[in-house]
Amino acid sequence: MLYQEFARIGKSLSSPKRLEILDLLSQSPKSVEGLAKNTGMNVANVSQHLQTLYNARLVNYKKQGNFVIYELADSAVSEFMSALHSLSEKQLVQVQHIKKEFLNNHFKMEGLSLSALKKRMENGDVLLLDVRPKEEYEEAHIPGAVSIPIEELEEKLSSLPSNCDVVAYCRGPYCLMSVEAVELLKTKGINAFRLEKSVQDWQEFVKQED
């Protein structure tokens, strides 16, 4: 009986799209329409996936005007997703290969560790850019980061200081918004780095330092 209940969680996570939805909700609450836009699904399919996740008690929802807003049911869900990413990367060669070849080798860009970022921010010689959507930045961000969503970056390049390096981050190692940002910055002659860690990774890093 107990393992049947455990299996409810496992069954709800058997869809790649539901895992993607949980990753998106770990950044900030989102409407059904917003999730449809982010995942490339139609509203009906997103709603079906959300219902499955809701039945497994992984998400909650509330109404705001004409919109239904979904959020993670508990911070433990975000922690579980982070553990799932780590386990998959450790145990599955395919995940390691995708990360190495697609994110690192293909884009040929330098990364920055959290400890190096912290030191450089304390020295004031780096600008940290959060290129996620505004609502995700407002929900949580790395202290000191400036919000410029990826779709606004090119038109706001002139507002960036020219006397320091730029570090861009987004939703974590499997998100390409920061990759696009660094590519754009480099084409404009700006010395840029990618932080592949997420806000949640930063929060855990700070806890460990305390």
Protein backbone atom coordinates (compact mmCIF):
# COMPACT_ATOMS: atom_id res chain seq x y z
CA MET A 1 0.00 0.00 0.00
CA LEU A 2 2.78 2.43 0.92
CA TYR A 3 4.70 1.77 -2.28
CA GLN A 4 1.53 2.22 -4.30
CA GLU A 5 1.37 5.75 -2.94
CA PHE A 6 5.05 6.31 -3.74
CA ALA A 7 4.33 5.07 -7.27
CA ARG A 8 1.77 7.85 -7.76
CA ILE A 9 4.64 10.34 -7.74
CA GLY A 10 6.68 8.19 -10.10
CA LYS A 11 3.82 7.83 -12.57
CA SER A 12 3.20 11.56 -12.59
CA LEU A 13 6.85 12.13 -13.54
CA SER A 14 6.88 9.67 -16.44
CA SER A 15 6.26 12.40 -19.03
CA PRO A 16 9.13 14.61 -20.28
CA LYS A 17 6.68 17.50 -20.67
CA ARG A 18 5.55 17.22 -17.05
CA LEU A 19 9.17 17.33 -15.92
CA GLU A 20 9.63 20.44 -18.05
CA ILE A 21 6.57 22.03 -16.46
CA LEU A 22 7.92 21.36 -12.96
CA ASP A 23 11.26 22.89 -13.92
CA LEU A 24 9.50 26.01 -15.17
CA LEU A 25 7.37 26.27 -12.04
CA SER A 26 10.50 25.99 -9.90
CA GLN A 27 11.43 29.42 -11.30
CA SER A 28 8.11 31.13 -10.56
CA PRO A 29 4.33 30.55 -10.58
CA LYS A 30 2.90 30.63 -14.11
CA SER A 31 -0.44 30.71 -15.87
CA VAL A 32 -1.59 27.83 -18.04
CA GLU A 33 -1.16 30.10 -21.06
CA GLY A 34 2.38 31.02 -19.97
CA LEU A 35 3.31 27.37 -19.59
CA ALA A 36 1.86 26.62 -23.02
CA LYS A 37 4.04 29.33 -24.55
CA ASN A 38 7.17 28.13 -22.75
CA THR A 39 6.69 24.44 -23.57
CA GLY A 40 5.35 24.75 -27.12
CA MET A 41 2.19 22.83 -26.21
CA ASN A 42 -1.40 23.94 -26.60
CA VAL A 43 -3.40 25.00 -23.57
CA ALA A 44 -5.48 21.81 -23.53
CA ASN A 45 -2.41 19.55 -23.34
CA VAL A 46 -0.80 21.71 -20.65
CA SER A 47 -4.01 21.56 -18.62
CA GLN A 48 -4.04 17.76 -18.82
CA HIS A 49 -0.45 17.52 -17.62
CA LEU A 50 -1.15 19.98 -14.80
CA GLN A 51 -4.13 17.93 -13.68
CA THR A 52 -1.91 14.85 -13.42
CA LEU A 53 0.63 16.79 -11.38
CA TYR A 54 -2.12 18.23 -9.21
CA ASN A 55 -3.54 14.76 -8.53
CA ALA A 56 -0.07 13.70 -7.36
CA ARG A 57 -0.01 16.77 -5.06
CA LEU A 58 3.03 18.22 -6.80
CA VAL A 59 1.39 21.51 -7.83
CA ASN A 60 -1.29 23.84 -6.53
CA TYR A 61 -3.26 26.53 -8.30
CA LYS A 62 -5.11 29.75 -7.62
CA LYS A 63 -7.26 32.07 -9.70
CA GLN A 64 -6.16 35.60 -10.55
CA GLY A 65 -8.87 37.34 -12.52
CA ASN A 66 -9.42 35.34 -15.69
CA PHE A 67 -6.22 33.35 -15.27
CA VAL A 68 -5.39 30.16 -13.38
CA ILE A 69 -1.93 30.37 -11.86
CA TYR A 70 -0.01 27.19 -10.99
CA GLU A 71 2.87 26.86 -8.54
CA LEU A 72 4.84 24.05 -6.91
CA ALA A 73 3.03 22.54 -3.95
CA ASP A 74 6.15 22.66 -1.78
CA SER A 75 9.81 23.66 -1.98
CA ALA A 76 10.57 19.94 -1.61
CA VAL A 77 9.37 19.48 -5.20
CA SER A 78 12.07 21.86 -6.45
CA GLU A 79 14.66 20.06 -4.30
CA PHE A 80 13.52 16.74 -5.73
CA MET A 81 13.87 18.04 -9.30
CA SER A 82 17.39 19.23 -8.54
CA ALA A 83 18.25 15.80 -7.14
CA LEU A 84 16.74 14.16 -10.23
CA HIS A 85 18.93 16.30 -12.49
CA SER A 86 22.03 15.39 -10.49
CA LEU A 87 21.21 11.67 -10.44
CA SER A 88 20.43 11.59 -14.17
CA GLU A 89 23.65 13.42 -15.00
CA LYS A 90 25.65 11.01 -12.85
CA GLN A 91 24.04 7.77 -14.01
CA LEU A 92 23.04 8.40 -17.62
CA VAL A 93 25.79 8.68 -20.20
CA GLN A 94 23.35 10.30 -22.62
CA VAL A 95 22.79 13.23 -20.27
CA GLN A 96 26.53 13.68 -19.75
CA HIS A 97 27.07 13.58 -23.50
CA ILE A 98 24.36 16.14 -24.27
CA LYS A 99 25.63 18.53 -21.65
CA LYS A 100 29.25 18.23 -22.72
CA GLU A 101 28.78 18.30 -26.48
CA PHE A 102 25.81 20.63 -26.85
CA LEU A 103 26.24 23.12 -24.03
CA ASN A 104 30.01 23.22 -23.66
CA ASN A 105 31.84 22.09 -26.78
CA HIS A 106 29.40 23.44 -29.36
CA PHE A 107 29.21 26.94 -27.95
CA LYS A 108 32.87 27.14 -26.92
CA MET A 109 32.24 29.54 -24.08
CA GLU A 110 33.88 29.99 -20.74
CA GLY A 111 31.94 29.34 -17.56
CA LEU A 112 32.24 30.75 -14.07
CA SER A 113 31.87 28.94 -10.74
CA LEU A 114 29.68 30.25 -7.92
CA SER A 115 32.69 30.87 -5.69
CA ALA A 116 34.47 32.78 -8.46
CA LEU A 117 31.33 34.78 -9.17
CA LYS A 118 30.92 35.72 -5.50
CA LYS A 119 34.52 36.89 -5.28
CA ARG A 120 34.31 38.95 -8.46
CA MET A 121 31.01 40.53 -7.42
CA GLU A 122 32.51 41.49 -4.07
CA ASN A 123 35.40 43.12 -5.97
CA GLY A 124 32.91 44.97 -8.17
CA ASP A 125 34.57 43.96 -11.45
CA VAL A 126 31.70 42.00 -12.98
CA LEU A 127 28.09 42.70 -13.97
CA LEU A 128 25.67 39.83 -13.37
CA LEU A 129 22.76 39.60 -15.81
CA ASP A 130 19.58 37.61 -15.15
CA VAL A 131 18.18 36.93 -18.63
CA ARG A 132 15.07 35.05 -17.51
CA PRO A 133 11.57 36.57 -17.84
CA LYS A 134 10.83 39.45 -15.44
CA GLU A 135 8.38 37.45 -13.32
CA GLU A 136 11.03 34.81 -12.61
CA TYR A 137 13.53 37.47 -11.58
CA GLU A 138 10.93 39.06 -9.29
CA GLU A 139 10.16 35.70 -7.68
CA ALA A 140 13.83 35.07 -6.80
CA HIS A 141 17.23 36.10 -8.13
CA ILE A 142 20.90 36.18 -7.20
CA PRO A 143 21.53 39.33 -5.12
CA GLY A 144 23.14 42.05 -7.20
CA ALA A 145 21.89 40.69 -10.51
CA VAL A 146 20.37 43.05 -13.09
CA SER A 147 17.26 41.86 -14.92
CA ILE A 148 17.38 42.07 -18.71
CA PRO A 149 15.23 39.34 -20.32
CA ILE A 150 16.93 37.70 -23.28
CA GLU A 151 14.46 39.17 -25.79
CA GLU A 152 15.33 42.70 -24.58
CA LEU A 153 19.09 42.28 -24.37
CA GLU A 154 20.11 43.48 -27.83
CA GLU A 155 18.21 46.76 -27.58
CA LYS A 156 19.65 47.42 -24.11
CA LEU A 157 23.29 46.67 -24.88
CA SER A 158 24.16 50.37 -24.81
CA SER A 159 23.11 50.54 -21.16
CA LEU A 160 25.74 48.01 -20.09
CA PRO A 161 28.96 49.35 -18.56
CA SER A 162 32.05 49.01 -20.73
CA ASN A 163 34.58 48.74 -17.91
CA CYS A 164 33.75 45.27 -16.56
CA ASP A 165 33.01 41.73 -17.65
CA VAL A 166 29.44 40.44 -17.92
CA VAL A 167 28.17 37.14 -16.53
CA ALA A 168 24.79 35.86 -17.72
CA TYR A 169 22.63 33.25 -16.02
CA CYS A 170 19.17 31.79 -16.51
CA ARG A 171 17.40 28.64 -15.26
CA GLY A 172 20.39 26.34 -14.90
CA PRO A 173 22.69 24.13 -16.98
CA TYR A 174 20.01 22.91 -19.40
CA CYS A 175 18.63 26.36 -20.24
CA LEU A 176 19.93 28.09 -23.36
CA MET A 177 18.93 31.69 -22.64
CA SER A 178 22.28 32.46 -21.01
CA VAL A 179 24.06 30.76 -23.93
CA GLU A 180 22.26 33.08 -26.36
CA ALA A 181 23.09 36.06 -24.16
CA VAL A 182 26.82 35.29 -24.04
CA GLU A 183 26.93 34.70 -27.80
CA LEU A 184 25.26 38.06 -28.42
CA LEU A 185 27.50 39.90 -25.97
CA LYS A 186 30.65 38.43 -27.51
CA THR A 187 29.59 39.46 -31.03
CA LYS A 188 29.38 43.02 -29.70
CA GLY A 189 32.91 42.85 -28.30
CA ILE A 190 31.84 42.44 -24.67
CA ASN A 191 33.85 40.02 -22.53
CA ALA A 192 31.12 37.66 -21.30
CA PHE A 193 30.88 34.45 -19.31
CA ARG A 194 28.08 31.98 -18.66
CA LEU A 195 26.99 30.93 -15.19
CA GLU A 196 25.38 27.55 -15.70
CA LYS A 197 24.08 27.39 -12.13
CA SER A 198 20.58 28.50 -11.16
CA VAL A 199 19.16 30.74 -8.44
CA GLN A 200 18.42 27.60 -6.41
CA ASP A 201 22.05 26.51 -6.77
CA TRP A 202 23.14 29.93 -5.51
CA GLN A 203 20.83 29.69 -2.49
CA GLU A 204 22.24 26.27 -1.62
CA PHE A 205 25.80 27.56 -2.08
CA VAL A 206 25.16 30.44 0.33
CA LYS A 207 23.66 28.06 2.92
CA GLN A 208 26.75 25.88 2.80
CA GLU A 209 29.01 28.91 3.30
CA ASP A 210 27.10 30.09 6.40
